[in-house]
Amino acid sequence: LAAFLGLTGLAQNKANYASELSAMHDRLHNYAIAYITGTD
């Protein structure tokens, strides 16, 4: 059970890290689009 929960936690951490990194990429991308749209 300890090994299973440990591996589960490790897998979830990696998945969350990738998810947070992807979310940050999308967020920064949206900020950049907002600046591009407002620039003349």
All heavy atoms as atom14 arrays in JSON, in Angstrom:
{
  "sequence": "LAAFLGLTGLAQNKANYASELSAMHDRLHNYAIAYITGTD",
  "atom14_mask": [
    [1, 1, 1, 1, 1, 1, 1, 1, 0, 0, 0, 0, 0, 0],
    [1, 1, 1, 1, 1, 0, 0, 0, 0, 0, 0, 0, 0, 0],
    [1, 1, 1, 1, 1, 0, 0, 0, 0, 0, 0, 0, 0, 0],
    [1, 1, 1, 1, 1, 1, 1, 1, 1, 1, 1, 0, 0, 0],
    [1, 1, 1, 1, 1, 1, 1, 1, 0, 0, 0, 0, 0, 0],
    [1, 1, 1, 1, 0, 0, 0, 0, 0, 0, 0, 0, 0, 0],
    [1, 1, 1, 1, 1, 1, 1, 1, 0, 0, 0, 0, 0, 0],
    [1, 1, 1, 1, 1, 1, 1, 0, 0, 0, 0, 0, 0, 0],
    [1, 1, 1, 1, 0, 0, 0, 0, 0, 0, 0, 0, 0, 0],
    [1, 1, 1, 1, 1, 1, 1, 1, 0, 0, 0, 0, 0, 0],
    [1, 1, 1, 1, 1, 0, 0, 0, 0, 0, 0, 0, 0, 0],
    [1, 1, 1, 1, 1, 1, 1, 1, 1, 0, 0, 0, 0, 0],
    [1, 1, 1, 1, 1, 1, 1, 1, 0, 0, 0, 0, 0, 0],
    [1, 1, 1, 1, 1, 1, 1, 1, 1, 0, 0, 0, 0, 0],
    [1, 1, 1, 1, 1, 0, 0, 0, 0, 0, 0, 0, 0, 0],
    [1, 1, 1, 1, 1, 1, 1, 1, 0, 0, 0, 0, 0, 0],
    [1, 1, 1, 1, 1, 1, 1, 1, 1, 1, 1, 1, 0, 0],
    [1, 1, 1, 1, 1, 0, 0, 0, 0, 0, 0, 0, 0, 0],
    [1, 1, 1, 1, 1, 1, 0, 0, 0, 0, 0, 0, 0, 0],
    [1, 1, 1, 1, 1, 1, 1, 1, 1, 0, 0, 0, 0, 0],
    [1, 1, 1, 1, 1, 1, 1, 1, 0, 0, 0, 0, 0, 0],
    [1, 1, 1, 1, 1, 1, 0, 0, 0, 0, 0, 0, 0, 0],
    [1, 1, 1, 1, 1, 0, 0, 0, 0, 0, 0, 0, 0, 0],
    [1, 1, 1, 1, 1, 1, 1, 1, 0, 0, 0, 0, 0, 0],
    [1, 1, 1, 1, 1, 1, 1, 1, 1, 1, 0, 0, 0, 0],
    [1, 1, 1, 1, 1, 1, 1, 1, 0, 0, 0, 0, 0, 0],
    [1, 1, 1, 1, 1, 1, 1, 1, 1, 1, 1, 0, 0, 0],
    [1, 1, 1, 1, 1, 1, 1, 1, 0, 0, 0, 0, 0, 0],
    [1, 1, 1, 1, 1, 1, 1, 1, 1, 1, 0, 0, 0, 0],
    [1, 1, 1, 1, 1, 1, 1, 1, 0, 0, 0, 0, 0, 0],
    [1, 1, 1, 1, 1, 1, 1, 1, 1, 1, 1, 1, 0, 0],
    [1, 1, 1, 1, 1, 0, 0, 0, 0, 0, 0, 0, 0, 0],
    [1, 1, 1, 1, 1, 1, 1, 1, 0, 0, 0, 0, 0, 0],
    [1, 1, 1, 1, 1, 0, 0, 0, 0, 0, 0, 0, 0, 0],
    [1, 1, 1, 1, 1, 1, 1, 1, 1, 1, 1, 1, 0, 0],
    [1, 1, 1, 1, 1, 1, 1, 1, 0, 0, 0, 0, 0, 0],
    [1, 1, 1, 1, 1, 1, 1, 0, 0, 0, 0, 0, 0, 0],
    [1, 1, 1, 1, 0, 0, 0, 0, 0, 0, 0, 0, 0, 0],
    [1, 1, 1, 1, 1, 1, 1, 0, 0, 0, 0, 0, 0, 0],
    [1, 1, 1, 1, 1, 1, 1, 1, 0, 0, 0, 0, 0, 0]
  ],
  "atom14_positions": [
    [[0.83, -1.2, 0.0], [0.0, 0.0, 0.0], [0.87, 1.25, 0.0], [0.59, 2.22, -0.72], [-0.91, -0.02, 1.23], [-1.86, 1.18, 1.39], [-2.8, 1.27, 0.2], [-2.65, 1.06, 2.69], [0.0, 0.0, 0.0], [0.0, 0.0, 0.0], [0.0, 0.0, 0.0], [0.0, 0.0, 0.0], [0.0, 0.0, 0.0], [0.0, 0.0, 0.0]],
    [[1.94, 1.25, 0.82], [2.84, 2.41, 0.86], [3.5, 2.62, -0.5], [3.61, 3.76, -0.98], [3.89, 2.21, 1.95], [0.0, 0.0, 0.0], [0.0, 0.0, 0.0], [0.0, 0.0, 0.0], [0.0, 0.0, 0.0], [0.0, 0.0, 0.0], [0.0, 0.0, 0.0], [0.0, 0.0, 0.0], [0.0, 0.0, 0.0], [0.0, 0.0, 0.0]],
    [[3.96, 1.52, -1.12], [4.58, 1.65, -2.45], [3.58, 2.16, -3.47], [3.9, 3.03, -4.31], [5.14, 0.3, -2.87], [0.0, 0.0, 0.0], [0.0, 0.0, 0.0], [0.0, 0.0, 0.0], [0.0, 0.0, 0.0], [0.0, 0.0, 0.0], [0.0, 0.0, 0.0], [0.0, 0.0, 0.0], [0.0, 0.0, 0.0], [0.0, 0.0, 0.0]],
    [[2.35, 1.64, -3.41], [1.33, 2.07, -4.37], [1.0, 3.54, -4.2], [0.94, 4.3, -5.17], [0.07, 1.22, -4.19], [-1.11, 1.69, -5.0], [-1.17, 1.45, -6.36], [-2.14, 2.38, -4.4], [-2.24, 1.89, -7.11], [-3.22, 2.82, -5.14], [-3.27, 2.59, -6.5], [0.0, 0.0, 0.0], [0.0, 0.0, 0.0], [0.0, 0.0, 0.0]],
    [[0.77, 3.97, -2.94], [0.45, 5.37, -2.7], [1.62, 6.28, -3.04], [1.44, 7.39, -3.55], [0.03, 5.57, -1.24], [-1.3, 4.93, -0.83], [-1.58, 5.18, 0.65], [-2.46, 5.46, -1.67], [0.0, 0.0, 0.0], [0.0, 0.0, 0.0], [0.0, 0.0, 0.0], [0.0, 0.0, 0.0], [0.0, 0.0, 0.0], [0.0, 0.0, 0.0]],
    [[2.85, 5.81, -2.77], [4.02, 6.61, -3.12], [4.15, 6.8, -4.62], [4.4, 7.92, -5.1], [0.0, 0.0, 0.0], [0.0, 0.0, 0.0], [0.0, 0.0, 0.0], [0.0, 0.0, 0.0], [0.0, 0.0, 0.0], [0.0, 0.0, 0.0], [0.0, 0.0, 0.0], [0.0, 0.0, 0.0], [0.0, 0.0, 0.0], [0.0, 0.0, 0.0]],
    [[3.99, 5.69, -5.36], [4.07, 5.8, -6.82], [2.92, 6.65, -7.36], [3.1, 7.42, -8.32], [4.05, 4.4, -7.44], [5.29, 3.55, -7.2], [5.09, 2.15, -7.75], [6.52, 4.19, -7.83], [0.0, 0.0, 0.0], [0.0, 0.0, 0.0], [0.0, 0.0, 0.0], [0.0, 0.0, 0.0], [0.0, 0.0, 0.0], [0.0, 0.0, 0.0]],
    [[1.74, 6.48, -6.74], [0.6, 7.3, -7.17], [0.87, 8.78, -6.94], [0.6, 9.63, -7.8], [-0.67, 6.87, -6.41], [-0.94, 5.5, -6.69], [-1.87, 7.71, -6.83], [0.0, 0.0, 0.0], [0.0, 0.0, 0.0], [0.0, 0.0, 0.0], [0.0, 0.0, 0.0], [0.0, 0.0, 0.0], [0.0, 0.0, 0.0], [0.0, 0.0, 0.0]],
    [[1.41, 9.11, -5.74], [1.73, 10.5, -5.45], [2.78, 11.06, -6.4], [2.68, 12.2, -6.86], [0.0, 0.0, 0.0], [0.0, 0.0, 0.0], [0.0, 0.0, 0.0], [0.0, 0.0, 0.0], [0.0, 0.0, 0.0], [0.0, 0.0, 0.0], [0.0, 0.0, 0.0], [0.0, 0.0, 0.0], [0.0, 0.0, 0.0], [0.0, 0.0, 0.0]],
    [[3.82, 10.24, -6.71], [4.87, 10.69, -7.63], [4.29, 10.95, -9.01], [4.6, 11.97, -9.65], [5.97, 9.62, -7.69], [7.16, 9.93, -8.61], [7.88, 11.2, -8.14], [8.12, 8.75, -8.67], [0.0, 0.0, 0.0], [0.0, 0.0, 0.0], [0.0, 0.0, 0.0], [0.0, 0.0, 0.0], [0.0, 0.0, 0.0], [0.0, 0.0, 0.0]],
    [[3.44, 10.03, -9.48], [2.84, 10.21, -10.8], [1.94, 11.45, -10.82], [1.95, 12.23, -11.79], [2.04, 8.97, -11.17], [0.0, 0.0, 0.0], [0.0, 0.0, 0.0], [0.0, 0.0, 0.0], [0.0, 0.0, 0.0], [0.0, 0.0, 0.0], [0.0, 0.0, 0.0], [0.0, 0.0, 0.0], [0.0, 0.0, 0.0], [0.0, 0.0, 0.0]],
    [[1.17, 11.65, -9.74], [0.3, 12.82, -9.69], [1.11, 14.11, -9.62], [0.73, 15.13, -10.22], [-0.64, 12.71, -8.48], [-1.72, 11.66, -8.64], [-2.63, 11.59, -7.44], [-2.28, 12.06, -6.35], [-3.8, 10.99, -7.62], [0.0, 0.0, 0.0], [0.0, 0.0, 0.0], [0.0, 0.0, 0.0], [0.0, 0.0, 0.0], [0.0, 0.0, 0.0]],
    [[2.24, 14.08, -8.9], [3.09, 15.27, -8.83], [3.64, 15.63, -10.2], [3.66, 16.81, -10.59], [4.24, 15.03, -7.86], [3.86, 15.37, -6.42], [3.07, 16.27, -6.19], [4.42, 14.65, -5.48], [0.0, 0.0, 0.0], [0.0, 0.0, 0.0], [0.0, 0.0, 0.0], [0.0, 0.0, 0.0], [0.0, 0.0, 0.0], [0.0, 0.0, 0.0]],
    [[4.11, 14.62, -10.91], [4.64, 14.88, -12.25], [3.54, 15.4, -13.17], [3.75, 16.33, -13.97], [5.26, 13.61, -12.83], [6.58, 13.22, -12.15], [7.21, 12.04, -12.84], [8.59, 11.72, -12.25], [9.56, 12.83, -12.48], [0.0, 0.0, 0.0], [0.0, 0.0, 0.0], [0.0, 0.0, 0.0], [0.0, 0.0, 0.0], [0.0, 0.0, 0.0]],
    [[2.35, 14.79, -13.08], [1.25, 15.25, -13.91], [0.84, 16.68, -13.54], [0.56, 17.51, -14.42], [0.06, 14.3, -13.75], [0.0, 0.0, 0.0], [0.0, 0.0, 0.0], [0.0, 0.0, 0.0], [0.0, 0.0, 0.0], [0.0, 0.0, 0.0], [0.0, 0.0, 0.0], [0.0, 0.0, 0.0], [0.0, 0.0, 0.0], [0.0, 0.0, 0.0]],
    [[0.82, 16.97, -12.23], [0.46, 18.32, -11.82], [1.51, 19.34, -12.25], [1.18, 20.46, -12.67], [0.29, 18.36, -10.3], [-0.01, 19.76, -9.78], [-1.09, 20.28, -10.0], [0.96, 20.37, -9.1], [0.0, 0.0, 0.0], [0.0, 0.0, 0.0], [0.0, 0.0, 0.0], [0.0, 0.0, 0.0], [0.0, 0.0, 0.0], [0.0, 0.0, 0.0]],
    [[2.79, 18.95, -12.16], [3.87, 19.86, -12.58], [3.72, 20.19, -14.06], [3.8, 21.37, -14.46], [5.22, 19.2, -12.31], [6.41, 20.1, -12.57], [6.92, 20.92, -11.57], [7.03, 20.13, -13.82], [8.02, 21.75, -11.8], [8.11, 20.97, -14.07], [8.59, 21.76, -13.06], [9.66, 22.59, -13.3], [0.0, 0.0, 0.0], [0.0, 0.0, 0.0]],
    [[3.47, 19.14, -14.86], [3.29, 19.39, -16.3], [2.05, 20.22, -16.55], [2.04, 21.11, -17.43], [3.21, 18.05, -17.04], [0.0, 0.0, 0.0], [0.0, 0.0, 0.0], [0.0, 0.0, 0.0], [0.0, 0.0, 0.0], [0.0, 0.0, 0.0], [0.0, 0.0, 0.0], [0.0, 0.0, 0.0], [0.0, 0.0, 0.0], [0.0, 0.0, 0.0]],
    [[0.98, 19.95, -15.77], [-0.25, 20.72, -15.96], [-0.06, 22.18, -15.58], [-0.52, 23.1, -16.29], [-1.37, 20.08, -15.11], [-2.55, 20.84, -15.18], [0.0, 0.0, 0.0], [0.0, 0.0, 0.0], [0.0, 0.0, 0.0], [0.0, 0.0, 0.0], [0.0, 0.0, 0.0], [0.0, 0.0, 0.0], [0.0, 0.0, 0.0], [0.0, 0.0, 0.0]],
    [[0.63, 22.45, -14.47], [0.88, 23.82, -14.05], [1.78, 24.54, -15.05], [1.57, 25.74, -15.35], [1.53, 23.83, -12.65], [0.61, 23.42, -11.53], [-0.48, 24.44, -11.27], [-0.34, 25.6, -11.7], [-1.49, 24.07, -10.66], [0.0, 0.0, 0.0], [0.0, 0.0, 0.0], [0.0, 0.0, 0.0], [0.0, 0.0, 0.0], [0.0, 0.0, 0.0]],
    [[2.76, 23.82, -15.56], [3.65, 24.44, -16.55], [2.89, 24.78, -17.82], [3.08, 25.86, -18.41], [4.81, 23.47, -16.86], [6.05, 24.07, -17.53], [6.68, 25.11, -16.62], [7.06, 22.96, -17.87], [0.0, 0.0, 0.0], [0.0, 0.0, 0.0], [0.0, 0.0, 0.0], [0.0, 0.0, 0.0], [0.0, 0.0, 0.0], [0.0, 0.0, 0.0]],
    [[1.99, 23.87, -18.24], [1.18, 24.14, -19.43], [0.23, 25.3, -19.19], [0.02, 26.16, -20.07], [0.4, 22.88, -19.81], [-0.47, 23.12, -20.89], [0.0, 0.0, 0.0], [0.0, 0.0, 0.0], [0.0, 0.0, 0.0], [0.0, 0.0, 0.0], [0.0, 0.0, 0.0], [0.0, 0.0, 0.0], [0.0, 0.0, 0.0], [0.0, 0.0, 0.0]],
    [[-0.34, 25.36, -17.96], [-1.25, 26.46, -17.63], [-0.51, 27.79, -17.63], [-1.04, 28.82, -18.1], [-1.9, 26.2, -16.27], [0.0, 0.0, 0.0], [0.0, 0.0, 0.0], [0.0, 0.0, 0.0], [0.0, 0.0, 0.0], [0.0, 0.0, 0.0], [0.0, 0.0, 0.0], [0.0, 0.0, 0.0], [0.0, 0.0, 0.0], [0.0, 0.0, 0.0]],
    [[0.72, 27.79, -17.11], [1.51, 29.03, -17.13], [1.84, 29.45, -18.55], [1.82, 30.64, -18.89], [2.79, 28.84, -16.3], [3.63, 30.11, -16.19], [5.01, 29.95, -15.04], [5.91, 28.61, -15.76], [0.0, 0.0, 0.0], [0.0, 0.0, 0.0], [0.0, 0.0, 0.0], [0.0, 0.0, 0.0], [0.0, 0.0, 0.0], [0.0, 0.0, 0.0]],
    [[2.16, 28.47, -19.4], [2.43, 28.79, -20.81], [1.21, 29.45, -21.45], [1.32, 30.49, -22.14], [2.81, 27.51, -21.55], [2.89, 27.66, -23.03], [1.79, 27.58, -23.87], [3.96, 27.92, -23.85], [2.15, 27.77, -25.11], [3.49, 27.97, -25.14], [0.0, 0.0, 0.0], [0.0, 0.0, 0.0], [0.0, 0.0, 0.0], [0.0, 0.0, 0.0]],
    [[0.04, 28.87, -21.21], [-1.17, 29.44, -21.79], [-1.46, 30.82, -21.23], [-1.9, 31.74, -21.96], [-2.36, 28.51, -21.54], [-2.22, 27.17, -22.25], [-1.43, 27.08, -23.21], [-2.9, 26.19, -21.82], [0.0, 0.0, 0.0], [0.0, 0.0, 0.0], [0.0, 0.0, 0.0], [0.0, 0.0, 0.0], [0.0, 0.0, 0.0], [0.0, 0.0, 0.0]],
    [[-1.22, 30.98, -19.94], [-1.49, 32.28, -19.32], [-0.57, 33.36, -19.87], [-1.02, 34.46, -20.22], [-1.34, 32.14, -17.8], [-1.74, 33.37, -17.01], [-1.86, 33.05, -15.53], [-0.64, 32.49, -14.96], [-0.5, 31.23, -14.59], [-1.52, 30.39, -14.75], [0.64, 30.8, -14.08], [0.0, 0.0, 0.0], [0.0, 0.0, 0.0], [0.0, 0.0, 0.0]],
    [[0.72, 33.05, -19.96], [1.67, 34.03, -20.51], [1.39, 34.3, -21.98], [1.56, 35.43, -22.48], [3.1, 33.53, -20.32], [3.57, 33.36, -18.87], [5.02, 32.89, -18.83], [3.42, 34.65, -18.08], [0.0, 0.0, 0.0], [0.0, 0.0, 0.0], [0.0, 0.0, 0.0], [0.0, 0.0, 0.0], [0.0, 0.0, 0.0], [0.0, 0.0, 0.0]],
    [[0.96, 33.27, -22.7], [0.6, 33.45, -24.1], [-0.59, 34.41, -24.24], [-0.6, 35.31, -25.11], [0.27, 32.09, -24.71], [-0.21, 32.16, -26.12], [-1.55, 32.26, -26.47], [0.47, 32.17, -27.32], [-1.67, 32.32, -27.78], [-0.43, 32.25, -28.32], [0.0, 0.0, 0.0], [0.0, 0.0, 0.0], [0.0, 0.0, 0.0], [0.0, 0.0, 0.0]],
    [[-1.58, 34.25, -23.35], [-2.74, 35.14, -23.39], [-2.35, 36.58, -23.05], [-2.87, 37.54, -23.64], [-3.82, 34.65, -22.44], [-4.45, 33.34, -22.9], [-4.45, 33.03, -24.11], [-4.97, 32.57, -21.96], [0.0, 0.0, 0.0], [0.0, 0.0, 0.0], [0.0, 0.0, 0.0], [0.0, 0.0, 0.0], [0.0, 0.0, 0.0], [0.0, 0.0, 0.0]],
    [[-1.43, 36.75, -22.08], [-0.95, 38.09, -21.77], [-0.27, 38.72, -22.98], [-0.47, 39.93, -23.29], [0.02, 38.06, -20.58], [-0.63, 37.75, -19.25], [0.09, 37.14, -18.22], [-1.95, 38.07, -19.0], [-0.48, 36.85, -17.0], [-2.54, 37.79, -17.79], [-1.81, 37.17, -16.79], [-2.41, 36.9, -15.58], [0.0, 0.0, 0.0], [0.0, 0.0, 0.0]],
    [[0.52, 37.91, -23.66], [1.22, 38.44, -24.84], [0.22, 38.86, -25.92], [0.38, 39.92, -26.57], [2.19, 37.4, -25.37], [0.0, 0.0, 0.0], [0.0, 0.0, 0.0], [0.0, 0.0, 0.0], [0.0, 0.0, 0.0], [0.0, 0.0, 0.0], [0.0, 0.0, 0.0], [0.0, 0.0, 0.0], [0.0, 0.0, 0.0], [0.0, 0.0, 0.0]],
    [[-0.81, 38.04, -26.13], [-1.83, 38.38, -27.12], [-2.54, 39.68, -26.73], [-2.88, 40.53, -27.58], [-2.83, 37.22, -27.27], [-2.14, 35.98, -27.85], [-4.01, 37.63, -28.14], [-1.58, 36.19, -29.23], [0.0, 0.0, 0.0], [0.0, 0.0, 0.0], [0.0, 0.0, 0.0], [0.0, 0.0, 0.0], [0.0, 0.0, 0.0], [0.0, 0.0, 0.0]],
    [[-2.81, 39.82, -25.41], [-3.47, 41.04, -24.95], [-2.61, 42.27, -25.25], [-3.13, 43.33, -25.67], [-3.76, 40.94, -23.46], [0.0, 0.0, 0.0], [0.0, 0.0, 0.0], [0.0, 0.0, 0.0], [0.0, 0.0, 0.0], [0.0, 0.0, 0.0], [0.0, 0.0, 0.0], [0.0, 0.0, 0.0], [0.0, 0.0, 0.0], [0.0, 0.0, 0.0]],
    [[-1.31, 42.16, -25.02], [-0.41, 43.29, -25.33], [-0.36, 43.53, -26.84], [-0.34, 44.69, -27.3], [0.99, 43.03, -24.79], [1.16, 43.42, -23.34], [1.28, 42.48, -22.34], [1.18, 44.77, -22.98], [1.43, 42.85, -21.02], [1.34, 45.15, -21.65], [1.45, 44.18, -20.68], [1.57, 44.56, -19.36], [0.0, 0.0, 0.0], [0.0, 0.0, 0.0]],
    [[-0.3, 42.48, -27.62], [-0.26, 42.66, -29.08], [-1.53, 43.34, -29.57], [-1.5, 44.25, -30.42], [-0.08, 41.29, -29.77], [1.3, 40.7, -29.44], [-0.26, 41.4, -31.28], [1.5, 39.28, -29.9], [0.0, 0.0, 0.0], [0.0, 0.0, 0.0], [0.0, 0.0, 0.0], [0.0, 0.0, 0.0], [0.0, 0.0, 0.0], [0.0, 0.0, 0.0]],
    [[-2.66, 42.94, -29.03], [-3.95, 43.52, -29.45], [-4.02, 45.0, -29.11], [-4.59, 45.81, -29.85], [-5.1, 42.76, -28.79], [-5.0, 41.36, -29.11], [-6.44, 43.28, -29.26], [0.0, 0.0, 0.0], [0.0, 0.0, 0.0], [0.0, 0.0, 0.0], [0.0, 0.0, 0.0], [0.0, 0.0, 0.0], [0.0, 0.0, 0.0], [0.0, 0.0, 0.0]],
    [[-3.48, 45.38, -27.95], [-3.57, 46.79, -27.52], [-2.46, 47.68, -28.03], [-2.42, 48.87, -27.68], [0.0, 0.0, 0.0], [0.0, 0.0, 0.0], [0.0, 0.0, 0.0], [0.0, 0.0, 0.0], [0.0, 0.0, 0.0], [0.0, 0.0, 0.0], [0.0, 0.0, 0.0], [0.0, 0.0, 0.0], [0.0, 0.0, 0.0], [0.0, 0.0, 0.0]],
    [[-1.56, 47.17, -28.84], [-0.44, 47.95, -29.35], [-0.78, 48.5, -30.74], [-1.29, 47.75, -31.59], [0.84, 47.1, -29.4], [1.14, 46.64, -28.08], [2.0, 47.93, -29.93], [0.0, 0.0, 0.0], [0.0, 0.0, 0.0], [0.0, 0.0, 0.0], [0.0, 0.0, 0.0], [0.0, 0.0, 0.0], [0.0, 0.0, 0.0], [0.0, 0.0, 0.0]],
    [[-0.48, 49.8, -30.96], [-0.74, 50.45, -32.26], [0.55, 51.04, -32.82], [1.5, 51.35, -32.07], [-1.77, 51.58, -32.11], [-3.16, 51.02, -31.81], [-3.48, 49.93, -32.32], [-3.9, 51.67, -31.03], [0.0, 0.0, 0.0], [0.0, 0.0, 0.0], [0.0, 0.0, 0.0], [0.0, 0.0, 0.0], [0.0, 0.0, 0.0], [0.0, 0.0, 0.0]]
  ]
}
